[in-house]
Amino acid sequence: MPESAAPARELAWVDQGTALVVELLAALPDTAFAEPTALEGWSRAHVAAHLGGNARALLRLAEWARTGVENPMYAGRAARDAEIEAEAARPPADLRGLVADTAGELRAALDALTPEQWRAPVVTGQGRTVPATELPWLRCREVWVHAVDLGAGTAFADLPPDLLDALLADTAAARLRRGQDPALVLAPTDRERTWSAAPPGAEPVTVRGTAAALAAWITGRGGAGVATAQGAPPPDPGRWL
């Protein structure tokens, strides 16, 4: 039997994160969907709408990998934003169904990929060409980070430790690819390693905190519990994705 190319660890994280988001949305009263989140201009309904739209977008990439026919995530940023606004106006029951149904459709599409299709190149929303094996990670970070954004009792400290490490590594690598300032070294106080987001020759700012606190800060979710190695407030991390 041929060995699967599917990234089992990331798929398991997707399943866990999806179950968490579905559970959180089910527990929220309908009136809570209109309440604001820490994301500027977004209510909980916007977060749910985005999660549904993201699943559809990644489903298009899975279809691209399956057929070889180019199928971008979004027609453009404006189209993405308009879709979120339109979906966010739907009733809470519809949004709960949207998140659960689109997540199931995406999972089924990923399960159907052959080893060759998992290796097929697709283009992310940020314009990177990656193999389809990256799709579960792209979904994983969305469901877990936005589970926190729902403000329904889940914090970065609740994320699996190895997922937190992967999020720090992914974010550091993305900053390096973009040449993003400031140059940083992420130094979790509860880990025995660091992650560098500093090009050769740069003088990076070392930022300390727990892995959970650093993940919150580097993704733009606040700097509580984070400081430079000198004890100063951390710099503005800039964009996440």
Protein backbone atom coordinates (compact mmCIF):
# COMPACT_ATOMS: atom_id res chain seq x y z
CA MET A 1 0.00 0.00 0.00
CA PRO A 2 1.59 3.36 -0.99
CA GLU A 3 2.60 5.70 1.79
CA SER A 4 0.31 8.70 2.20
CA ALA A 5 1.74 12.16 1.60
CA ALA A 6 -0.93 13.71 3.84
CA PRO A 7 0.50 15.74 6.77
CA ALA A 8 -1.07 13.76 9.62
CA ARG A 9 -0.01 16.07 12.45
CA GLU A 10 -1.47 19.18 10.83
CA LEU A 11 -4.67 17.39 9.84
CA ALA A 12 -5.13 16.30 13.46
CA TRP A 13 -4.66 19.91 14.58
CA VAL A 14 -7.26 21.02 12.03
CA ASP A 15 -9.73 18.49 13.40
CA GLN A 16 -9.10 19.56 17.00
CA GLY A 17 -9.32 23.26 16.19
CA THR A 18 -12.47 22.83 14.12
CA ALA A 19 -14.17 20.89 16.91
CA LEU A 20 -13.21 23.65 19.35
CA VAL A 21 -14.58 26.45 17.15
CA VAL A 22 -17.83 24.58 16.51
CA GLU A 23 -18.19 23.99 20.26
CA LEU A 24 -17.50 27.65 21.09
CA LEU A 25 -20.00 28.91 18.53
CA ALA A 26 -22.64 26.46 19.75
CA ALA A 27 -22.22 27.71 23.32
CA LEU A 28 -22.52 31.40 22.43
CA PRO A 29 -25.98 32.95 22.76
CA ASP A 30 -27.29 34.40 19.52
CA THR A 31 -26.99 37.94 20.88
CA ALA A 32 -23.22 37.48 21.37
CA PHE A 33 -22.57 37.19 17.63
CA ALA A 34 -23.03 40.93 17.15
CA GLU A 35 -20.59 41.80 19.93
CA PRO A 36 -17.19 43.20 18.92
CA THR A 37 -13.96 41.24 19.09
CA ALA A 38 -10.42 42.51 19.57
CA LEU A 39 -10.06 42.56 15.77
CA GLU A 40 -10.80 46.07 14.57
CA GLY A 41 -14.19 46.33 12.89
CA TRP A 42 -15.03 42.65 13.37
CA SER A 43 -17.78 41.16 15.49
CA ARG A 44 -17.96 37.48 16.38
CA ALA A 45 -20.19 37.12 13.33
CA HIS A 46 -17.34 38.43 11.16
CA VAL A 47 -14.94 35.88 12.66
CA ALA A 48 -17.39 33.06 11.95
CA ALA A 49 -18.02 34.36 8.43
CA HIS A 50 -14.28 34.54 7.78
CA LEU A 51 -13.75 30.97 8.98
CA GLY A 52 -16.42 29.79 6.56
CA GLY A 53 -14.93 31.83 3.73
CA ASN A 54 -11.43 30.59 4.49
CA ALA A 55 -12.58 26.98 4.30
CA ARG A 56 -14.14 27.68 0.90
CA ALA A 57 -10.95 29.41 -0.27
CA LEU A 58 -8.78 26.48 0.77
CA LEU A 59 -11.29 24.14 -0.85
CA ARG A 60 -10.54 25.96 -4.11
CA LEU A 61 -6.84 25.27 -3.62
CA ALA A 62 -7.57 21.60 -2.89
CA GLU A 63 -9.52 21.49 -6.15
CA TRP A 64 -6.56 23.11 -7.92
CA ALA A 65 -4.26 20.41 -6.54
CA ARG A 66 -6.71 17.68 -7.57
CA THR A 67 -7.35 18.86 -11.13
CA GLY A 68 -4.27 20.88 -12.01
CA VAL A 69 -6.58 23.73 -13.09
CA GLU A 70 -5.69 27.08 -11.51
CA ASN A 71 -8.29 28.04 -8.89
CA PRO A 72 -7.17 30.98 -6.69
CA MET A 73 -8.25 31.33 -3.08
CA TYR A 74 -9.95 34.68 -3.72
CA ALA A 75 -10.71 36.92 -6.69
CA GLY A 76 -8.95 39.65 -4.70
CA ARG A 77 -8.83 41.28 -1.29
CA ALA A 78 -11.92 43.39 -1.99
CA ALA A 79 -13.91 40.31 -2.97
CA ARG A 80 -12.78 38.50 0.17
CA ASP A 81 -13.76 41.41 2.41
CA ALA A 82 -17.13 41.81 0.69
CA GLU A 83 -17.88 38.13 1.19
CA ILE A 84 -17.10 38.38 4.90
CA GLU A 85 -19.37 41.42 5.31
CA ALA A 86 -22.23 39.72 3.48
CA GLU A 87 -21.92 36.46 5.40
CA ALA A 88 -21.59 38.24 8.76
CA ALA A 89 -25.11 39.61 8.29
CA ARG A 90 -26.59 36.11 8.34
CA PRO A 91 -28.42 34.81 11.44
CA PRO A 92 -26.25 33.10 14.09
CA ALA A 93 -27.76 29.69 13.33
CA ASP A 94 -26.71 30.06 9.70
CA LEU A 95 -23.19 31.07 10.71
CA ARG A 96 -22.84 28.05 12.99
CA GLY A 97 -23.90 25.86 10.09
CA LEU A 98 -21.60 27.67 7.67
CA VAL A 99 -18.53 27.04 9.82
CA ALA A 100 -19.34 23.37 10.42
CA ASP A 101 -20.43 22.59 6.86
CA THR A 102 -17.54 24.29 5.06
CA ALA A 103 -15.04 22.70 7.44
CA GLY A 104 -16.49 19.29 6.64
CA GLU A 105 -16.35 19.95 2.90
CA LEU A 106 -12.71 21.02 3.13
CA ARG A 107 -11.77 17.97 5.19
CA ALA A 108 -13.45 15.65 2.70
CA ALA A 109 -11.61 17.31 -0.19
CA LEU A 110 -8.27 16.95 1.58
CA ASP A 111 -8.98 13.31 2.42
CA ALA A 112 -9.61 12.64 -1.28
CA LEU A 113 -6.20 13.89 -2.45
CA THR A 114 -3.80 11.27 -3.77
CA PRO A 115 -0.09 11.31 -2.81
CA GLU A 116 0.71 12.93 -6.16
CA GLN A 117 -1.98 15.58 -5.67
CA TRP A 118 -0.72 16.39 -2.17
CA ARG A 119 2.59 17.35 -3.81
CA ALA A 120 0.94 19.54 -6.49
CA PRO A 121 1.83 23.27 -6.39
CA VAL A 122 -0.81 25.85 -5.48
CA VAL A 123 -0.61 29.57 -4.72
CA THR A 124 -1.59 30.95 -1.31
CA GLY A 125 -3.47 34.15 -0.64
CA GLN A 126 -0.11 35.79 0.08
CA GLY A 127 1.19 34.80 -3.37
CA ARG A 128 3.50 31.97 -2.27
CA THR A 129 3.72 28.82 -4.35
CA VAL A 130 3.58 25.84 -1.99
CA PRO A 131 2.74 22.14 -2.25
CA ALA A 132 -0.79 21.16 -1.27
CA THR A 133 0.69 19.54 1.83
CA GLU A 134 0.75 23.10 3.24
CA LEU A 135 -3.04 23.44 3.10
CA PRO A 136 -3.76 21.77 6.46
CA TRP A 137 -1.32 24.12 8.19
CA LEU A 138 -2.92 27.15 6.52
CA ARG A 139 -6.28 26.01 7.88
CA CYS A 140 -4.87 25.02 11.25
CA ARG A 141 -3.54 28.46 12.10
CA GLU A 142 -6.84 30.04 11.05
CA VAL A 143 -9.09 27.89 13.23
CA TRP A 144 -6.91 28.05 16.33
CA VAL A 145 -6.05 31.77 16.24
CA HIS A 146 -9.63 32.73 15.45
CA ALA A 147 -10.87 30.44 18.23
CA VAL A 148 -9.01 32.83 20.51
CA ASP A 149 -10.42 35.85 18.65
CA LEU A 150 -13.97 34.73 19.43
CA GLY A 151 -13.35 35.84 23.02
CA ALA A 152 -15.34 32.87 24.29
CA GLY A 153 -12.91 31.53 26.87
CA THR A 154 -10.08 30.12 24.73
CA ALA A 155 -6.61 31.66 25.05
CA PHE A 156 -3.30 31.05 23.30
CA ALA A 157 -2.22 29.12 26.40
CA ASP A 158 -4.89 26.55 25.51
CA LEU A 159 -3.26 25.71 22.18
CA PRO A 160 -1.29 22.44 22.04
CA PRO A 161 2.37 23.21 22.92
CA ASP A 162 3.77 21.80 19.67
CA LEU A 163 1.23 23.83 17.70
CA LEU A 164 2.37 26.99 19.49
CA ASP A 165 5.94 26.13 18.53
CA ALA A 166 4.90 25.62 14.90
CA LEU A 167 3.07 28.97 14.92
CA LEU A 168 6.16 30.78 16.22
CA ALA A 169 8.37 29.03 13.66
CA ASP A 170 5.95 29.79 10.82
CA THR A 171 5.64 33.45 11.76
CA ALA A 172 9.40 33.89 12.11
CA ALA A 173 9.95 32.29 8.69
CA ALA A 174 7.30 34.52 7.10
CA ARG A 175 8.95 37.66 8.49
CA LEU A 176 12.30 36.55 7.06
CA ARG A 177 10.78 35.90 3.62
CA ARG A 178 9.25 39.38 3.58
CA GLY A 179 12.33 41.12 5.00
CA GLN A 180 9.99 42.50 7.63
CA ASP A 181 11.18 44.97 10.27
CA PRO A 182 11.97 44.93 13.07
CA ALA A 183 14.40 42.01 13.04
CA LEU A 184 13.46 39.78 15.95
CA VAL A 185 14.49 36.82 18.04
CA LEU A 186 11.56 35.13 19.75
CA ALA A 187 12.79 33.73 23.06
CA PRO A 188 10.06 31.85 24.95
CA THR A 189 10.74 31.63 28.66
CA ASP A 190 9.10 28.19 28.78
CA ARG A 191 11.10 26.68 25.92
CA GLU A 192 14.75 25.69 25.55
CA ARG A 193 15.08 27.21 22.10
CA THR A 194 14.51 30.45 20.22
CA TRP A 195 13.20 31.40 16.78
CA SER A 196 15.05 33.98 14.70
CA ALA A 197 13.32 36.41 12.36
CA ALA A 198 16.53 38.31 11.67
CA PRO A 199 18.51 38.27 8.41
CA PRO A 200 22.29 37.86 8.53
CA GLY A 201 24.03 40.98 9.79
CA ALA A 202 20.92 42.44 11.43
CA GLU A 203 20.85 43.52 15.06
CA PRO A 204 17.65 41.87 16.24
CA VAL A 205 15.44 42.76 19.16
CA THR A 206 15.10 39.77 21.47
CA VAL A 207 11.54 39.48 22.76
CA ARG A 208 10.74 37.31 25.77
CA GLY A 209 7.57 35.85 27.22
CA THR A 210 5.87 32.50 27.37
CA ALA A 211 5.33 30.79 24.04
CA ALA A 212 1.62 31.60 24.34
CA ALA A 213 2.28 35.28 25.09
CA LEU A 214 4.74 35.53 22.18
CA ALA A 215 2.25 33.87 19.83
CA ALA A 216 -0.41 36.39 20.84
CA TRP A 217 1.98 39.30 20.36
CA ILE A 218 3.54 38.23 17.05
CA THR A 219 0.08 37.66 15.53
CA GLY A 220 -1.06 41.13 16.60
CA ARG A 221 -3.19 40.07 19.56
CA GLY A 222 -1.56 42.28 22.21
CA GLY A 223 1.68 42.35 24.16
CA ALA A 224 0.61 41.27 27.65
CA GLY A 225 3.41 39.35 29.34
CA VAL A 226 5.93 40.18 26.61
CA ALA A 227 9.05 42.37 26.92
CA THR A 228 12.43 42.85 25.30
CA ALA A 229 15.50 41.24 26.85
CA GLN A 230 16.15 44.61 28.52
CA GLY A 231 12.69 44.65 30.07
CA ALA A 232 11.27 47.33 27.76
CA PRO A 233 7.88 47.09 26.04
CA PRO A 234 8.10 45.09 22.82
CA PRO A 235 8.07 46.87 19.46
CA ASP A 236 5.04 46.86 17.19
CA PRO A 237 5.31 43.48 15.44
CA GLY A 238 3.61 44.72 12.28
CA ARG A 239 1.57 42.46 10.03
CA TRP A 240 1.05 38.78 10.75
CA LEU A 241 -0.02 37.39 7.35
